[in-house]
Protein backbone atom coordinates (compact mmCIF):
# COMPACT_ATOMS: atom_id res chain seq x y z
CA UNK A 1 0.00 0.00 0.00
CA UNK A 2 1.67 3.19 -1.17
CA UNK A 3 0.89 6.61 0.24
CA UNK A 4 -0.79 7.58 -3.03
CA UNK A 5 -3.15 4.60 -2.80
CA UNK A 6 -3.89 5.35 0.85
CA UNK A 7 -4.70 9.01 0.06
CA UNK A 8 -6.97 7.85 -2.77
CA UNK A 9 -8.80 5.47 -0.44
CA UNK A 10 -9.02 8.18 2.23
CA UNK A 11 -10.46 10.82 -0.11
CA UNK A 12 -12.90 8.52 -1.87
CA UNK A 13 -14.15 7.21 1.47
CA UNK A 14 -14.67 10.81 2.64
CA UNK A 15 -16.70 11.48 -0.48
CA UNK A 16 -18.74 8.30 -0.03
CA UNK A 17 -19.49 9.27 3.58
CA UNK A 18 -20.58 12.77 2.63
CA UNK A 19 -22.83 11.66 -0.21
CA UNK A 20 -24.42 8.77 1.71
CA UNK A 21 -25.15 11.05 4.68
CA UNK A 22 -26.86 13.57 2.40
CA UNK A 23 -28.98 10.83 0.83
CA UNK A 24 -29.81 9.27 4.21
CA UNK A 25 -30.72 12.64 5.71
CA UNK A 26 -32.93 13.60 2.80
CA UNK A 27 -34.66 10.21 2.62
CA UNK A 28 -35.24 10.15 6.38
CA UNK A 29 -36.46 13.75 6.59
CA UNK A 30 -37.81 14.11 3.07
CA UNK A 31 -40.92 16.08 4.13
CA UNK A 32 -38.81 18.83 5.65
CA UNK A 33 -36.56 19.05 2.59
CA UNK A 34 -39.55 18.94 0.26
CA UNK A 35 -41.06 21.90 2.10
CA UNK A 36 -37.84 23.88 1.51
CA UNK A 37 -38.17 23.27 -2.23
CA UNK A 38 -41.91 24.04 -2.28
CA UNK A 39 -41.40 27.27 -0.33
CA UNK A 40 -38.41 28.23 -2.51
CA UNK A 41 -36.13 28.32 0.55
CA UNK A 42 -33.11 27.20 -1.42
CA UNK A 43 -30.56 28.87 0.86
CA UNK A 44 -31.96 26.93 3.84
CA UNK A 45 -31.85 23.74 1.75
CA UNK A 46 -28.23 24.43 0.78
CA UNK A 47 -27.28 25.02 4.42
CA UNK A 48 -28.99 21.79 5.51
CA UNK A 49 -27.37 19.74 2.73
CA UNK A 50 -23.97 21.29 3.51
CA UNK A 51 -24.42 20.36 7.17
CA UNK A 52 -25.26 16.79 6.20
CA UNK A 53 -22.20 16.61 3.93
CA UNK A 54 -19.86 17.87 6.67
CA UNK A 55 -21.46 15.44 9.13
CA UNK A 56 -20.85 12.69 6.59
CA UNK A 57 -17.17 13.64 6.41
CA UNK A 58 -16.98 13.23 10.20
CA UNK A 59 -18.73 9.84 10.04
CA UNK A 60 -16.35 8.82 7.27
CA UNK A 61 -13.32 9.83 9.34
CA UNK A 62 -14.64 7.75 12.25
CA UNK A 63 -15.13 4.83 9.88
CA UNK A 64 -11.59 5.14 8.56
CA UNK A 65 -10.12 5.27 12.05
CA UNK A 66 -12.06 2.11 12.88
CA UNK A 67 -10.87 0.42 9.70
CA UNK A 68 -7.19 1.06 10.28
CA UNK A 69 -7.53 0.22 13.98
CA UNK A 70 -9.10 -3.09 12.99
CA UNK A 71 -6.29 -3.87 10.54
CA UNK A 72 -3.85 -3.41 13.43
CA UNK A 73 -5.95 -5.41 15.92
CA UNK A 74 -6.38 -8.17 13.34
CA UNK A 75 -2.60 -8.55 13.02
CA UNK A 76 -2.23 -8.66 16.82
CA UNK A 77 -5.06 -11.18 17.05
CA UNK A 78 -3.44 -13.45 14.48
CA UNK A 79 -0.16 -13.28 16.36
CA UNK A 80 -1.67 -13.74 19.82
CA UNK A 81 -4.43 -16.30 19.21
CA UNK A 82 -3.03 -17.94 16.06
CA UNK A 83 -5.60 -20.45 14.74
CA UNK A 84 -8.11 -19.53 17.48
CA UNK A 85 -8.44 -15.94 16.21
CA UNK A 86 -11.48 -16.74 14.06
CA UNK A 87 -13.19 -18.39 17.05
CA UNK A 88 -12.45 -15.34 19.21
CA UNK A 89 -13.91 -13.10 16.51
CA UNK A 90 -17.10 -15.19 16.28
CA UNK A 91 -17.52 -15.00 20.07
CA UNK A 92 -17.06 -11.21 19.95
CA UNK A 93 -19.60 -10.95 17.10
CA UNK A 94 -22.21 -12.85 19.13
CA UNK A 95 -21.51 -10.78 22.25
CA UNK A 96 -21.69 -7.50 20.31
CA UNK A 97 -25.04 -8.34 18.72
CA UNK A 98 -26.43 -9.55 22.04
CA UNK A 99 -25.19 -6.43 23.85
CA UNK A 100 -26.62 -4.18 21.15
CA UNK A 101 -30.08 -5.61 21.74
CA UNK A 102 -30.05 -6.47 25.44
CA UNK A 103 -28.27 -3.48 26.96
CA UNK A 104 -30.18 -0.97 24.84
CA UNK A 105 -33.39 -2.68 25.97
CA UNK A 106 -32.33 -2.58 29.64
CA UNK A 107 -31.25 1.06 29.41
CA UNK A 108 -33.95 2.65 27.28
CA UNK A 109 -37.08 0.46 27.23
CA UNK A 110 -40.15 2.02 28.83
CA UNK A 111 -42.60 -0.85 28.65
CA UNK A 112 -41.61 -1.52 25.05
CA UNK A 113 -41.23 -5.00 23.66
CA UNK A 114 -37.77 -6.57 23.43
CA UNK A 115 -38.41 -7.48 19.79
CA UNK A 116 -38.15 -3.79 18.81
CA UNK A 117 -34.59 -3.82 20.09
CA UNK A 118 -33.73 -6.79 17.88
CA UNK A 119 -34.28 -4.85 14.65
CA UNK A 120 -30.87 -3.14 14.49
CA UNK A 121 -28.84 -6.28 15.39
CA UNK A 122 -30.73 -8.40 12.85
CA UNK A 123 -30.39 -5.81 10.08
CA UNK A 124 -26.69 -5.31 10.80
CA UNK A 125 -26.15 -9.09 10.85
CA UNK A 126 -27.97 -9.70 7.56
CA UNK A 127 -26.20 -6.93 5.64
CA UNK A 128 -22.85 -7.89 7.18
CA UNK A 129 -23.31 -11.50 6.07
CA UNK A 130 -23.84 -10.27 2.50
CA UNK A 131 -20.74 -8.04 2.62
CA UNK A 132 -18.60 -10.80 4.17
CA UNK A 133 -19.78 -13.24 1.51
CA UNK A 134 -18.84 -10.79 -1.27
CA UNK A 135 -15.44 -10.17 0.35
CA UNK A 136 -14.74 -13.90 0.62
CA UNK A 137 -15.77 -14.43 -3.03
CA UNK A 138 -13.49 -11.62 -4.22
CA UNK A 139 -10.50 -12.67 -2.11
CA UNK A 140 -10.57 -16.04 -0.29
CA UNK A 141 -12.75 -18.07 2.06
CA UNK A 142 -10.56 -17.14 5.02
CA UNK A 143 -11.70 -13.51 4.72
CA UNK A 144 -15.32 -14.27 5.66
CA UNK A 145 -15.02 -14.21 9.48
CA UNK A 146 -12.68 -11.18 9.63
CA UNK A 147 -14.97 -9.27 7.24
CA UNK A 148 -18.02 -10.23 9.29
CA UNK A 149 -16.26 -9.17 12.49
CA UNK A 150 -15.29 -5.83 11.00
CA UNK A 151 -18.73 -5.10 9.60
CA UNK A 152 -20.50 -5.97 12.87
CA UNK A 153 -18.21 -5.32 15.82
CA UNK A 154 -16.27 -2.35 14.49
CA UNK A 155 -19.42 -0.71 13.09
CA UNK A 156 -21.15 -1.05 16.47
CA UNK A 157 -18.13 0.44 18.27
CA UNK A 158 -18.01 3.35 15.81
CA UNK A 159 -21.76 3.83 16.23
CA UNK A 160 -21.52 4.16 20.02
CA UNK A 161 -22.02 7.98 20.22
CA UNK A 162 -25.44 7.66 18.54
CA UNK A 163 -26.30 4.61 20.65
CA UNK A 164 -25.81 6.66 23.81
CA UNK A 165 -28.26 9.30 22.55
CA UNK A 166 -30.87 6.67 21.61
CA UNK A 167 -32.54 9.05 19.17
CA UNK A 168 -33.86 7.09 16.17
CA UNK A 169 -33.02 9.82 13.66
CA UNK A 170 -29.40 10.00 14.87
CA UNK A 171 -29.15 6.22 15.06
CA UNK A 172 -30.13 5.89 11.41
CA UNK A 173 -28.26 8.99 10.23
CA UNK A 174 -25.01 7.69 11.70
CA UNK A 175 -25.40 3.95 11.09
CA UNK A 176 -26.05 4.06 7.34
CA UNK A 177 -22.96 6.16 6.42
CA UNK A 178 -20.74 4.22 8.83
CA UNK A 179 -21.89 0.92 7.40
CA UNK A 180 -21.52 2.06 3.79
CA UNK A 181 -18.06 3.56 4.43
CA UNK A 182 -16.96 0.35 6.16
CA UNK A 183 -18.36 -1.69 3.28
CA UNK A 184 -16.61 0.54 0.75
CA UNK A 185 -13.23 0.31 2.48
CA UNK A 186 -13.49 -3.44 3.01
CA UNK A 187 -14.40 -4.17 -0.61
CA UNK A 188 -11.97 -1.64 -2.07
CA UNK A 189 -8.78 -2.35 -0.11
CA UNK A 190 -7.87 -5.61 -1.83
CA UNK A 191 -8.48 -4.05 -5.25
CA UNK A 192 -6.26 -1.07 -4.48
CA UNK A 193 -3.48 -3.23 -3.01
CA UNK A 194 -3.66 -5.64 -5.96
CA UNK A 195 -3.43 -2.82 -8.52
């Protein structure tokens, strides 16, 4: 990995984060943005979209820090646990998904059903399985568990500031760009290194 390739990955990931945050924000709050267009409040719309883009750059930077931290942790894990590293990662995946549902339920539920707190873990798991499958097809079968670990555990850790707020709009606005940036980096790295 040369510095030129790293800068390219860094800048394209920033752009992905900014664009995905704009799209997520507009889709999630489309009525508000539609009213800006209908009322010809284009300056307000521009300010809101600019805010979303800058927020997306921040989310992207968080994603990139998580990605490079994971690459380091992965190397340590391989050295420390050797052949057990995949087993350790699977255990951490299960614990992370369980914690995401159970501890959020314990902390924030006010008579709500536990099943509502299973939505995020199930969605993250399903999309992560798809990404890990694609990664393993494009590289090798041994990449499945590390990719799954990264997409689940690292995304949840990066998502922690929004989880503490427990505001649905912030949960969605942060999760989607983080997940897409993580997906982009994971599926792009081997192509950049190979080229």
